PDB file of N, CA and C in Angstrom:
ATOM      1  N   MET A   1      11.763  25.313 -16.268  1.00  0.00           N
ATOM      2  CA  MET A   1      11.968  24.210 -15.395  1.00  0.00           C
ATOM      3  C   MET A   1      12.077  22.881 -16.133  1.00  0.00           C
ATOM      4  N   ALA A   2      13.025  22.011 -15.881  1.00  0.00           N
ATOM      5  CA  ALA A   2      13.167  20.779 -16.626  1.00  0.00           C
ATOM      6  C   ALA A   2      12.098  19.768 -16.149  1.00  0.00           C
ATOM      7  N   GLU A   3      11.683  18.975 -17.118  1.00  0.00           N
ATOM      8  CA  GLU A   3      10.605  18.058 -16.772  1.00  0.00           C
ATOM      9  C   GLU A   3      11.307  16.810 -16.159  1.00  0.00           C
ATOM     10  N   LYS A   4      10.631  16.254 -15.174  1.00  0.00           N
ATOM     11  CA  LYS A   4      11.096  15.034 -14.503  1.00  0.00           C
ATOM     12  C   LYS A   4      11.040  13.807 -15.438  1.00  0.00           C
ATOM     13  N   LYS A   5      12.123  13.135 -15.797  1.00  0.00           N
ATOM     14  CA  LYS A   5      12.027  11.984 -16.726  1.00  0.00           C
ATOM     15  C   LYS A   5      11.478  10.741 -15.877  1.00  0.00           C
ATOM     16  N   THR A   6      10.631  10.041 -16.671  1.00  0.00           N
ATOM     17  CA  THR A   6      10.033   8.887 -16.092  1.00  0.00           C
ATOM     18  C   THR A   6      10.286   7.716 -16.954  1.00  0.00           C
ATOM     19  N   THR A   7      10.266   6.485 -16.348  1.00  0.00           N
ATOM     20  CA  THR A   7      10.363   5.314 -17.154  1.00  0.00           C
ATOM     21  C   THR A   7       8.920   4.707 -17.277  1.00  0.00           C
ATOM     22  N   PRO A   8       8.421   4.707 -18.577  1.00  0.00           N
ATOM     23  CA  PRO A   8       7.050   4.213 -18.733  1.00  0.00           C
ATOM     24  C   PRO A   8       7.028   2.679 -18.699  1.00  0.00           C
ATOM     25  N   ILE A   9       5.979   2.123 -18.082  1.00  0.00           N
ATOM     26  CA  ILE A   9       5.830   0.639 -18.020  1.00  0.00           C
ATOM     27  C   ILE A   9       4.335   0.477 -18.365  1.00  0.00           C
ATOM     28  N   SER A  10       4.164  -0.411 -19.384  1.00  0.00           N
ATOM     29  CA  SER A  10       2.762  -0.747 -19.860  1.00  0.00           C
ATOM     30  C   SER A  10       2.375  -2.073 -19.266  1.00  0.00           C
ATOM     31  N   VAL A  11       1.207  -1.977 -18.539  1.00  0.00           N
ATOM     32  CA  VAL A  11       0.652  -3.261 -18.025  1.00  0.00           C
ATOM     33  C   VAL A  11      -0.816  -3.306 -18.361  1.00  0.00           C
ATOM     34  N   ASP A  12      -1.182  -4.368 -19.093  1.00  0.00           N
ATOM     35  CA  ASP A  12      -2.574  -4.435 -19.490  1.00  0.00           C
ATOM     36  C   ASP A  12      -3.052  -3.355 -20.323  1.00  0.00           C
ATOM     37  N   GLY A  13      -2.197  -2.688 -21.129  1.00  0.00           N
ATOM     38  CA  GLY A  13      -2.598  -1.589 -21.967  1.00  0.00           C
ATOM     39  C   GLY A  13      -2.646  -0.297 -21.309  1.00  0.00           C
ATOM     40  N   THR A  14      -2.251  -0.169 -20.014  1.00  0.00           N
ATOM     41  CA  THR A  14      -2.241   1.037 -19.195  1.00  0.00           C
ATOM     42  C   THR A  14      -0.754   1.440 -18.970  1.00  0.00           C
ATOM     43  N   GLU A  15      -0.558   2.703 -19.168  1.00  0.00           N
ATOM     44  CA  GLU A  15       0.924   3.158 -18.866  1.00  0.00           C
ATOM     45  C   GLU A  15       1.096   3.639 -17.425  1.00  0.00           C
ATOM     46  N   TYR A  16       2.087   3.223 -16.829  1.00  0.00           N
ATOM     47  CA  TYR A  16       2.512   3.576 -15.552  1.00  0.00           C
ATOM     48  C   TYR A  16       3.944   4.179 -15.475  1.00  0.00           C
ATOM     49  N   ALA A  17       4.288   4.983 -14.541  1.00  0.00           N
ATOM     50  CA  ALA A  17       5.655   5.373 -14.401  1.00  0.00           C
ATOM     51  C   ALA A  17       6.317   4.506 -13.353  1.00  0.00           C
ATOM     52  N   LEU A  18       7.390   3.939 -13.695  1.00  0.00           N
ATOM     53  CA  LEU A  18       8.115   3.086 -12.785  1.00  0.00           C
ATOM     54  C   LEU A  18       8.443   3.884 -11.553  1.00  0.00           C
ATOM     55  N   GLU A  19       8.828   4.982 -11.593  1.00  0.00           N
ATOM     56  CA  GLU A  19       9.267   5.870 -10.410  1.00  0.00           C
ATOM     57  C   GLU A  19       8.010   6.106  -9.461  1.00  0.00           C
ATOM     58  N   ASP A  20       6.810   5.946  -9.946  1.00  0.00           N
ATOM     59  CA  ASP A  20       5.584   6.161  -9.131  1.00  0.00           C
ATOM     60  C   ASP A  20       5.239   4.828  -8.396  1.00  0.00           C
ATOM     61  N   MET A  21       5.878   3.804  -8.695  1.00  0.00           N
ATOM     62  CA  MET A  21       5.429   2.429  -8.253  1.00  0.00           C
ATOM     63  C   MET A  21       6.157   2.235  -6.800  1.00  0.00           C
ATOM     64  N   SER A  22       5.567   1.401  -6.008  1.00  0.00           N
ATOM     65  CA  SER A  22       6.193   1.023  -4.716  1.00  0.00           C
ATOM     66  C   SER A  22       7.500   0.226  -4.991  1.00  0.00           C
ATOM     67  N   PRO A  23       8.319   0.259  -3.960  1.00  0.00           N
ATOM     68  CA  PRO A  23       9.548  -0.532  -4.067  1.00  0.00           C
ATOM     69  C   PRO A  23       9.235  -2.039  -4.552  1.00  0.00           C
ATOM     70  N   GLU A  24       8.079  -2.615  -3.909  1.00  0.00           N
ATOM     71  CA  GLU A  24       7.833  -3.973  -4.182  1.00  0.00           C
ATOM     72  C   GLU A  24       7.364  -4.067  -5.610  1.00  0.00           C
ATOM     73  N   GLN A  25       6.647  -3.247  -6.193  1.00  0.00           N
ATOM     74  CA  GLN A  25       6.256  -3.191  -7.527  1.00  0.00           C
ATOM     75  C   GLN A  25       7.402  -2.977  -8.457  1.00  0.00           C
ATOM     76  N   GLN A  26       8.399  -2.130  -8.194  1.00  0.00           N
ATOM     77  CA  GLN A  26       9.506  -1.943  -8.915  1.00  0.00           C
ATOM     78  C   GLN A  26      10.393  -3.248  -8.907  1.00  0.00           C
ATOM     79  N   THR A  27      10.450  -4.017  -7.849  1.00  0.00           N
ATOM     80  CA  THR A  27      11.175  -5.247  -7.855  1.00  0.00           C
ATOM     81  C   THR A  27      10.499  -6.249  -8.614  1.00  0.00           C
ATOM     82  N   VAL A  28       9.213  -6.360  -8.712  1.00  0.00           N
ATOM     83  CA  VAL A  28       8.468  -7.191  -9.598  1.00  0.00           C
ATOM     84  C   VAL A  28       8.702  -6.857 -11.018  1.00  0.00           C
ATOM     85  N   VAL A  29       8.790  -5.557 -11.400  1.00  0.00           N
ATOM     86  CA  VAL A  29       9.099  -5.165 -12.767  1.00  0.00           C
ATOM     87  C   VAL A  29      10.647  -5.614 -13.047  1.00  0.00           C
ATOM     88  N   ASN A  30      11.391  -5.434 -12.173  1.00  0.00           N
ATOM     89  CA  ASN A  30      12.802  -5.848 -12.436  1.00  0.00           C
ATOM     90  C   ASN A  30      12.947  -7.384 -12.627  1.00  0.00           C
ATOM     91  N   HIS A  31      12.162  -8.145 -11.921  1.00  0.00           N
ATOM     92  CA  HIS A  31      12.123  -9.535 -12.118  1.00  0.00           C
ATOM     93  C   HIS A  31      11.627  -9.874 -13.486  1.00  0.00           C
ATOM     94  N   ILE A  32      10.524  -9.226 -13.920  1.00  0.00           N
ATOM     95  CA  ILE A  32       9.945  -9.513 -15.216  1.00  0.00           C
ATOM     96  C   ILE A  32      10.913  -9.171 -16.303  1.00  0.00           C
ATOM     97  N   THR A  33      11.633  -7.949 -16.193  1.00  0.00           N
ATOM     98  CA  THR A  33      12.606  -7.566 -17.199  1.00  0.00           C
ATOM     99  C   THR A  33      13.706  -8.620 -17.244  1.00  0.00           C
ATOM    100  N   ASP A  34      14.199  -9.060 -16.072  1.00  0.00           N
ATOM    101  CA  ASP A  34      15.272  -9.974 -16.074  1.00  0.00           C
ATOM    102  C   ASP A  34      14.838 -11.324 -16.717  1.00  0.00           C
ATOM    103  N   LEU A  35      13.553 -11.857 -16.390  1.00  0.00           N
ATOM    104  CA  LEU A  35      13.100 -13.007 -17.025  1.00  0.00           C
ATOM    105  C   LEU A  35      12.946 -12.910 -18.433  1.00  0.00           C
ATOM    106  N   ASP A  36      12.452 -11.798 -18.941  1.00  0.00           N
ATOM    107  CA  ASP A  36      12.337 -11.493 -20.345  1.00  0.00           C
ATOM    108  C   ASP A  36      13.743 -11.625 -21.069  1.00  0.00           C
ATOM    109  N   ARG A  37      14.777 -11.153 -20.507  1.00  0.00           N
ATOM    110  CA  ARG A  37      16.064 -11.201 -21.036  1.00  0.00           C
ATOM    111  C   ARG A  37      16.558 -12.649 -21.006  1.00  0.00           C
ATOM    112  N   LYS A  38      16.262 -13.397 -19.976  1.00  0.00           N
ATOM    113  CA  LYS A  38      16.652 -14.849 -19.861  1.00  0.00           C
ATOM    114  C   LYS A  38      15.820 -15.607 -20.884  1.00  0.00           C
ATOM    115  N   VAL A  39      14.655 -15.312 -21.084  1.00  0.00           N
ATOM    116  CA  VAL A  39      13.935 -16.088 -22.197  1.00  0.00           C
ATOM    117  C   VAL A  39      14.437 -15.894 -23.571  1.00  0.00           C
ATOM    118  N   ARG A  40      14.759 -14.639 -23.782  1.00  0.00           N
ATOM    119  CA  ARG A  40      15.397 -14.284 -25.059  1.00  0.00           C
ATOM    120  C   ARG A  40      16.783 -15.014 -25.351  1.00  0.00           C
ATOM    121  N   SER A  41      17.595 -15.043 -24.253  1.00  0.00           N
ATOM    122  CA  SER A  41      18.853 -15.654 -24.293  1.00  0.00           C
ATOM    123  C   SER A  41      18.669 -17.171 -24.459  1.00  0.00           C
ATOM    124  N   THR A  42      17.750 -17.781 -23.671  1.00  0.00           N
ATOM    125  CA  THR A  42      17.482 -19.192 -23.792  1.00  0.00           C
ATOM    126  C   THR A  42      17.036 -19.588 -25.089  1.00  0.00           C
ATOM    127  N   GLN A  43      16.190 -18.719 -25.744  1.00  0.00           N
ATOM    128  CA  GLN A  43      15.617 -19.004 -27.149  1.00  0.00           C
ATOM    129  C   GLN A  43      16.710 -18.912 -28.146  1.00  0.00           C
ATOM    130  N   PHE A  44      17.677 -18.035 -27.967  1.00  0.00           N
ATOM    131  CA  PHE A  44      18.868 -17.877 -28.791  1.00  0.00           C
ATOM    132  C   PHE A  44      19.677 -19.124 -28.707  1.00  0.00           C
ATOM    133  N   ASN A  45      19.994 -19.589 -27.580  1.00  0.00           N
ATOM    134  CA  ASN A  45      20.689 -20.793 -27.365  1.00  0.00           C
ATOM    135  C   ASN A  45      20.037 -21.923 -27.972  1.00  0.00           C
ATOM    136  N   LEU A  46      18.714 -22.136 -27.736  1.00  0.00           N
ATOM    137  CA  LEU A  46      17.970 -23.246 -28.360  1.00  0.00           C
ATOM    138  C   LEU A  46      17.932 -23.223 -29.861  1.00  0.00           C
ATOM    139  N   ASP A  47      17.954 -21.950 -30.458  1.00  0.00           N
ATOM    140  CA  ASP A  47      17.952 -21.904 -31.907  1.00  0.00           C
ATOM    141  C   ASP A  47      19.376 -22.400 -32.390  1.00  0.00           C
ATOM    142  N   GLN A  48      20.406 -22.130 -31.625  1.00  0.00           N
ATOM    143  CA  GLN A  48      21.727 -22.532 -32.027  1.00  0.00           C
ATOM    144  C   GLN A  48      21.824 -24.041 -31.764  1.00  0.00           C
ATOM    145  N   LEU A  49      21.236 -24.632 -30.848  1.00  0.00           N
ATOM    146  CA  LEU A  49      21.280 -26.033 -30.542  1.00  0.00           C
ATOM    147  C   LEU A  49      20.580 -26.801 -31.699  1.00  0.00           C
ATOM    148  N   ASN A  50      19.352 -26.216 -32.052  1.00  0.00           N
ATOM    149  CA  ASN A  50      18.606 -26.890 -33.112  1.00  0.00           C
ATOM    150  C   ASN A  50      19.364 -26.913 -34.445  1.00  0.00           C
ATOM    151  N   VAL A  51      19.971 -25.731 -34.716  1.00  0.00           N
ATOM    152  CA  VAL A  51      20.693 -25.669 -36.018  1.00  0.00           C
ATOM    153  C   VAL A  51      21.841 -26.679 -35.991  1.00  0.00           C
ATOM    154  N   GLY A  52      22.567 -26.728 -34.843  1.00  0.00           N
ATOM    155  CA  GLY A  52      23.740 -27.681 -34.787  1.00  0.00           C
ATOM    156  C   GLY A  52      23.286 -29.069 -34.924  1.00  0.00           C
ATOM    157  N   ARG A  53      22.132 -29.372 -34.206  1.00  0.00           N
ATOM    158  CA  ARG A  53      21.729 -30.850 -34.292  1.00  0.00           C
ATOM    159  C   ARG A  53      21.299 -31.137 -35.657  1.00  0.00           C
ATOM    160  N   GLN A  54      20.551 -30.289 -36.336  1.00  0.00           N
ATOM    161  CA  GLN A  54      20.215 -30.558 -37.740  1.00  0.00           C
ATOM    162  C   GLN A  54      21.461 -30.676 -38.679  1.00  0.00           C
ATOM    163  N   ALA A  55      22.487 -30.009 -38.409  1.00  0.00           N
ATOM    164  CA  ALA A  55      23.751 -30.099 -39.211  1.00  0.00           C
ATOM    165  C   ALA A  55      24.354 -31.475 -38.952  1.00  0.00           C
ATOM    166  N   PHE A  56      24.370 -32.022 -37.652  1.00  0.00           N
ATOM    167  CA  PHE A  56      24.849 -33.343 -37.428  1.00  0.00           C
ATOM    168  C   PHE A  56      23.940 -34.394 -38.012  1.00  0.00           C
ATOM    169  N   VAL A  57      22.661 -34.211 -38.037  1.00  0.00           N
ATOM    170  CA  VAL A  57      21.762 -35.197 -38.598  1.00  0.00           C
ATOM    171  C   VAL A  57      22.017 -35.152 -40.134  1.00  0.00           C
ATOM    172  N   GLU A  58      22.190 -34.137 -40.811  1.00  0.00           N
ATOM    173  CA  GLU A  58      22.495 -34.044 -42.190  1.00  0.00           C
ATOM    174  C   GLU A  58      23.855 -34.714 -42.447  1.00  0.00           C
ATOM    175  N   MET A  59      24.883 -34.454 -41.611  1.00  0.00           N
ATOM    176  CA  MET A  59      26.183 -35.186 -41.721  1.00  0.00           C
ATOM    177  C   MET A  59      26.051 -36.589 -41.755  1.00  0.00           C
ATOM    178  N   LEU A  60      25.250 -37.114 -40.743  1.00  0.00           N
ATOM    179  CA  LEU A  60      25.088 -38.483 -40.610  1.00  0.00           C
ATOM    180  C   LEU A  60      24.391 -39.075 -41.855  1.00  0.00           C
ATOM    181  N   SER A  61      23.311 -38.412 -42.203  1.00  0.00           N
ATOM    182  CA  SER A  61      22.535 -38.933 -43.468  1.00  0.00           C
ATOM    183  C   SER A  61      23.405 -38.942 -44.621  1.00  0.00           C
ATOM    184  N   LYS A  62      24.215 -37.944 -44.825  1.00  0.00           N
ATOM    185  CA  LYS A  62      25.170 -37.878 -46.034  1.00  0.00           C
ATOM    186  C   LYS A  62      26.136 -38.976 -45.826  1.00  0.00           C
ATOM    187  N   SER A  63      26.706 -39.273 -44.745  1.00  0.00           N
ATOM    188  CA  SER A  63      27.782 -40.315 -44.611  1.00  0.00           C
ATOM    189  C   SER A  63      27.134 -41.745 -44.763  1.00  0.00           C
ATOM    190  N   LEU A  64      25.909 -41.915 -44.441  1.00  0.00           N
ATOM    191  CA  LEU A  64      25.195 -43.161 -44.661  1.00  0.00           C
ATOM    192  C   LEU A  64      24.968 -43.478 -46.156  1.00  0.00           C
ATOM    193  N   LYS A  65      24.910 -42.415 -46.989  1.00  0.00           N
ATOM    194  CA  LYS A  65      24.627 -42.562 -48.407  1.00  0.00           C
ATOM    195  C   LYS A  65      25.887 -42.690 -49.217  1.00  0.00           C
ATOM    196  N   ASP A  66      27.081 -42.622 -48.487  1.00  0.00           N
ATOM    197  CA  ASP A  66      28.405 -42.660 -49.123  1.00  0.00           C
ATOM    198  C   ASP A  66      28.611 -44.076 -49.497  1.00  0.00           C
ATOM    199  N   PRO A  67      29.051 -44.429 -50.765  1.00  0.00           N
ATOM    200  CA  PRO A  67      29.300 -45.734 -51.158  1.00  0.00           C
ATOM    201  C   PRO A  67      30.483 -46.403 -50.454  1.00  0.00           C
ATOM    202  N   VAL A  68      31.363 -45.590 -49.884  1.00  0.00           N
ATOM    203  CA  VAL A  68      32.486 -46.124 -49.139  1.00  0.00           C
ATOM    204  C   VAL A  68      32.056 -46.777 -47.819  1.00  0.00           C
ATOM    205  N   PHE A  69      30.978 -46.201 -47.253  1.00  0.00           N
ATOM    206  CA  PHE A  69      30.514 -46.672 -45.970  1.00  0.00           C
ATOM    207  C   PHE A  69      29.879 -48.010 -46.232  1.00  0.00           C
ATOM    208  N   GLU A  70      30.261 -48.974 -45.306  1.00  0.00           N
ATOM    209  CA  GLU A  70      29.764 -50.313 -45.376  1.00  0.00           C
ATOM    210  C   GLU A  70      28.808 -50.565 -44.244  1.00  0.00           C
ATOM    211  N   ALA A  71      27.549 -50.937 -44.401  1.00  0.00           N
ATOM    212  CA  ALA A  71      26.698 -51.143 -43.317  1.00  0.00           C
ATOM    213  C   ALA A  71      27.021 -52.478 -42.658  1.00  0.00           C
ATOM    214  N   VAL A  72      26.840 -52.488 -41.390  1.00  0.00           N
ATOM    215  CA  VAL A  72      27.126 -53.626 -40.549  1.00  0.00           C
ATOM    216  C   VAL A  72      26.003 -54.618 -40.643  1.00  0.00           C
ATOM    217  N   GLU A  73      26.417 -55.817 -41.068  1.00  0.00           N
ATOM    218  CA  GLU A  73      25.256 -56.790 -41.245  1.00  0.00           C
ATOM    219  C   GLU A  73      25.309 -57.754 -39.993  1.00  0.00           C
ATOM    220  N   GLU A  74      24.170 -58.152 -39.586  1.00  0.00           N
ATOM    221  CA  GLU A  74      23.975 -59.024 -38.432  1.00  0.00           C
ATOM    222  C   GLU A  74      23.939 -60.427 -38.789  1.00  0.00           C
TER     223      GLU A  74
END
């Protein structure tokens, strides 16, 4: 007889089977899973933004050191 496949979920170091959880508990697990995905995606985007910002800061710094650039005097 084939074994019933379950989806293991670890909470506070204890393993649970998703299929044995109540519908409400399964919904909470789905929310947690979706939030984890969103956090990873947001961190990925933040990494890109930080690298892009740093590139622009370096471009500005380099252009300010260019002898062709004339500083505006007040």
